[in-house]
Amino acid sequence: MFNMFKVAGFQKTLRTMMIRVGAALTLLASLFSFATVHAVGETWSPLGSGMDKEVYALAF
C-alpha cells in the first residue's frame, strides 16, 4: 500500500516537472521566434519599422 502511494507521488512529481519544462521551452521558443521575426521584419519589410511594430503588437 505504502509503495503504491510512493509511486503515485513520484509520477505526479514527474508530471509536474514535465509540465514546467514544457512551459519553459514553449516560452523560450516563442521569445526566440519573436526575436527572429522582429529582426527579419526590421531588415526586409517594405512597410517600414513603424508599421512592423504595430503589426507585431497585434500579432503577439
N, C-alpha and C. Protein backbone atom coordinates (compact mmCIF):
# COMPACT_ATOMS: atom_id res chain seq x y z
N MET A 1 0.84 -1.21 0.00
CA MET A 1 0.00 0.00 0.00
C MET A 1 0.88 1.26 0.00
N PHE A 2 1.83 1.30 0.92
CA PHE A 2 2.73 2.46 1.01
C PHE A 2 3.52 2.65 -0.29
N ASN A 3 3.96 1.52 -0.85
CA ASN A 3 4.74 1.58 -2.08
C ASN A 3 3.92 2.17 -3.23
N MET A 4 2.63 1.82 -3.30
CA MET A 4 1.74 2.36 -4.34
C MET A 4 1.66 3.88 -4.22
N PHE A 5 1.49 4.38 -3.00
CA PHE A 5 1.40 5.83 -2.79
C PHE A 5 2.69 6.52 -3.20
N LYS A 6 3.80 5.85 -2.88
CA LYS A 6 5.10 6.41 -3.22
C LYS A 6 5.26 6.54 -4.74
N VAL A 7 4.86 5.50 -5.46
CA VAL A 7 4.95 5.53 -6.92
C VAL A 7 4.03 6.60 -7.50
N ALA A 8 2.80 6.69 -6.97
CA ALA A 8 1.86 7.68 -7.46
C ALA A 8 2.39 9.10 -7.21
N GLY A 9 2.98 9.31 -6.04
CA GLY A 9 3.56 10.61 -5.73
C GLY A 9 4.70 10.96 -6.66
N PHE A 10 5.53 9.95 -6.96
CA PHE A 10 6.65 10.18 -7.87
C PHE A 10 6.15 10.52 -9.27
N GLN A 11 5.11 9.81 -9.73
CA GLN A 11 4.56 10.08 -11.06
C GLN A 11 3.97 11.49 -11.12
N LYS A 12 3.31 11.89 -10.04
CA LYS A 12 2.73 13.24 -10.00
C LYS A 12 3.83 14.30 -10.06
N THR A 13 4.90 14.07 -9.30
CA THR A 13 6.04 15.00 -9.31
C THR A 13 6.67 15.06 -10.69
N LEU A 14 6.83 13.89 -11.30
CA LEU A 14 7.43 13.83 -12.63
C LEU A 14 6.57 14.58 -13.63
N ARG A 15 5.25 14.39 -13.56
CA ARG A 15 4.34 15.08 -14.48
C ARG A 15 4.42 16.58 -14.29
N THR A 16 4.46 17.03 -13.03
CA THR A 16 4.57 18.46 -12.75
C THR A 16 5.86 19.02 -13.34
N MET A 17 6.95 18.28 -13.18
CA MET A 17 8.23 18.72 -13.73
C MET A 17 8.17 18.81 -15.24
N MET A 18 7.55 17.82 -15.88
CA MET A 18 7.44 17.81 -17.33
C MET A 18 6.63 19.01 -17.81
N ILE A 19 5.54 19.32 -17.09
CA ILE A 19 4.71 20.47 -17.46
C ILE A 19 5.53 21.76 -17.35
N ARG A 20 6.30 21.87 -16.26
CA ARG A 20 7.12 23.07 -16.08
C ARG A 20 8.19 23.19 -17.14
N VAL A 21 8.84 22.08 -17.46
CA VAL A 21 9.87 22.09 -18.50
C VAL A 21 9.24 22.44 -19.84
N GLY A 22 8.08 21.86 -20.12
CA GLY A 22 7.38 22.16 -21.37
C GLY A 22 7.02 23.63 -21.48
N ALA A 23 6.53 24.19 -20.36
CA ALA A 23 6.15 25.61 -20.35
C ALA A 23 7.39 26.48 -20.58
N ALA A 24 8.50 26.12 -19.94
CA ALA A 24 9.73 26.89 -20.10
C ALA A 24 10.22 26.84 -21.55
N LEU A 25 10.17 25.64 -22.15
CA LEU A 25 10.61 25.50 -23.54
C LEU A 25 9.71 26.28 -24.48
N THR A 26 8.41 26.23 -24.22
CA THR A 26 7.46 26.98 -25.05
C THR A 26 7.74 28.47 -24.98
N LEU A 27 8.00 28.95 -23.75
CA LEU A 27 8.29 30.37 -23.56
C LEU A 27 9.57 30.76 -24.30
N LEU A 28 10.60 29.94 -24.17
CA LEU A 28 11.86 30.23 -24.86
C LEU A 28 11.68 30.22 -26.37
N ALA A 29 10.93 29.25 -26.86
CA ALA A 29 10.70 29.15 -28.31
C ALA A 29 9.94 30.36 -28.82
N SER A 30 8.94 30.80 -28.07
CA SER A 30 8.15 31.95 -28.52
C SER A 30 9.00 33.22 -28.49
N LEU A 31 9.85 33.36 -27.46
CA LEU A 31 10.73 34.53 -27.40
C LEU A 31 11.72 34.51 -28.56
N PHE A 32 12.27 33.33 -28.84
CA PHE A 32 13.24 33.21 -29.92
C PHE A 32 12.59 33.53 -31.27
N SER A 33 11.40 32.97 -31.49
CA SER A 33 10.72 33.20 -32.77
C SER A 33 10.33 34.67 -32.90
N PHE A 34 9.91 35.28 -31.80
CA PHE A 34 9.57 36.71 -31.84
C PHE A 34 10.80 37.54 -32.22
N ALA A 35 11.94 37.24 -31.60
CA ALA A 35 13.17 37.97 -31.89
C ALA A 35 13.57 37.80 -33.36
N THR A 36 13.44 36.58 -33.86
CA THR A 36 13.81 36.30 -35.25
C THR A 36 12.89 37.03 -36.21
N VAL A 37 11.58 36.91 -35.98
CA VAL A 37 10.60 37.58 -36.84
C VAL A 37 10.80 39.09 -36.80
N HIS A 38 11.07 39.61 -35.61
CA HIS A 38 11.26 41.05 -35.48
C HIS A 38 12.50 41.51 -36.26
N ALA A 39 13.59 40.75 -36.13
CA ALA A 39 14.83 41.10 -36.83
C ALA A 39 14.62 41.05 -38.34
N VAL A 40 13.96 39.99 -38.81
CA VAL A 40 13.71 39.85 -40.24
C VAL A 40 12.79 40.97 -40.72
N GLY A 41 11.75 41.26 -39.92
CA GLY A 41 10.81 42.31 -40.29
C GLY A 41 11.48 43.67 -40.38
N GLU A 42 12.34 43.96 -39.41
CA GLU A 42 13.05 45.24 -39.42
C GLU A 42 13.96 45.35 -40.64
N THR A 43 14.53 44.23 -41.03
CA THR A 43 15.50 44.25 -42.13
C THR A 43 14.83 44.26 -43.49
N TRP A 44 13.82 43.39 -43.67
CA TRP A 44 13.33 43.13 -45.02
C TRP A 44 11.96 43.74 -45.34
N SER A 45 11.22 44.20 -44.32
CA SER A 45 9.86 44.65 -44.59
C SER A 45 9.85 45.94 -45.39
N PRO A 46 9.07 45.99 -46.48
CA PRO A 46 8.94 47.22 -47.25
C PRO A 46 8.05 48.25 -46.56
N LEU A 47 7.33 47.82 -45.52
CA LEU A 47 6.38 48.71 -44.85
C LEU A 47 7.07 49.71 -43.93
N GLY A 48 8.27 49.38 -43.47
CA GLY A 48 8.97 50.25 -42.55
C GLY A 48 8.80 49.80 -41.11
N SER A 49 9.71 50.23 -40.24
CA SER A 49 9.74 49.72 -38.87
C SER A 49 8.52 50.17 -38.06
N GLY A 50 7.99 51.34 -38.32
CA GLY A 50 6.83 51.81 -37.56
C GLY A 50 5.63 50.90 -37.74
N MET A 51 5.38 50.53 -38.99
CA MET A 51 4.27 49.63 -39.29
C MET A 51 4.53 48.25 -38.71
N ASP A 52 5.77 47.78 -38.80
CA ASP A 52 6.14 46.48 -38.26
C ASP A 52 5.79 46.38 -36.78
N LYS A 53 6.16 47.42 -36.04
CA LYS A 53 5.92 47.38 -34.60
C LYS A 53 4.43 47.27 -34.30
N GLU A 54 3.60 47.95 -35.08
CA GLU A 54 2.16 47.85 -34.88
C GLU A 54 1.67 46.44 -35.20
N VAL A 55 2.17 45.87 -36.27
CA VAL A 55 1.77 44.51 -36.68
C VAL A 55 2.19 43.51 -35.61
N TYR A 56 3.42 43.64 -35.10
CA TYR A 56 3.88 42.71 -34.09
C TYR A 56 3.12 42.88 -32.78
N ALA A 57 2.76 44.11 -32.45
CA ALA A 57 1.98 44.34 -31.24
C ALA A 57 0.64 43.63 -31.34
N LEU A 58 0.05 43.62 -32.54
CA LEU A 58 -1.22 42.92 -32.73
C LEU A 58 -1.01 41.41 -32.76
N ALA A 59 0.07 40.97 -33.43
CA ALA A 59 0.30 39.53 -33.61
C ALA A 59 0.68 38.86 -32.29
N PHE A 60 1.46 39.54 -31.47
CA PHE A 60 1.93 38.91 -30.23
C PHE A 60 1.22 39.54 -29.05
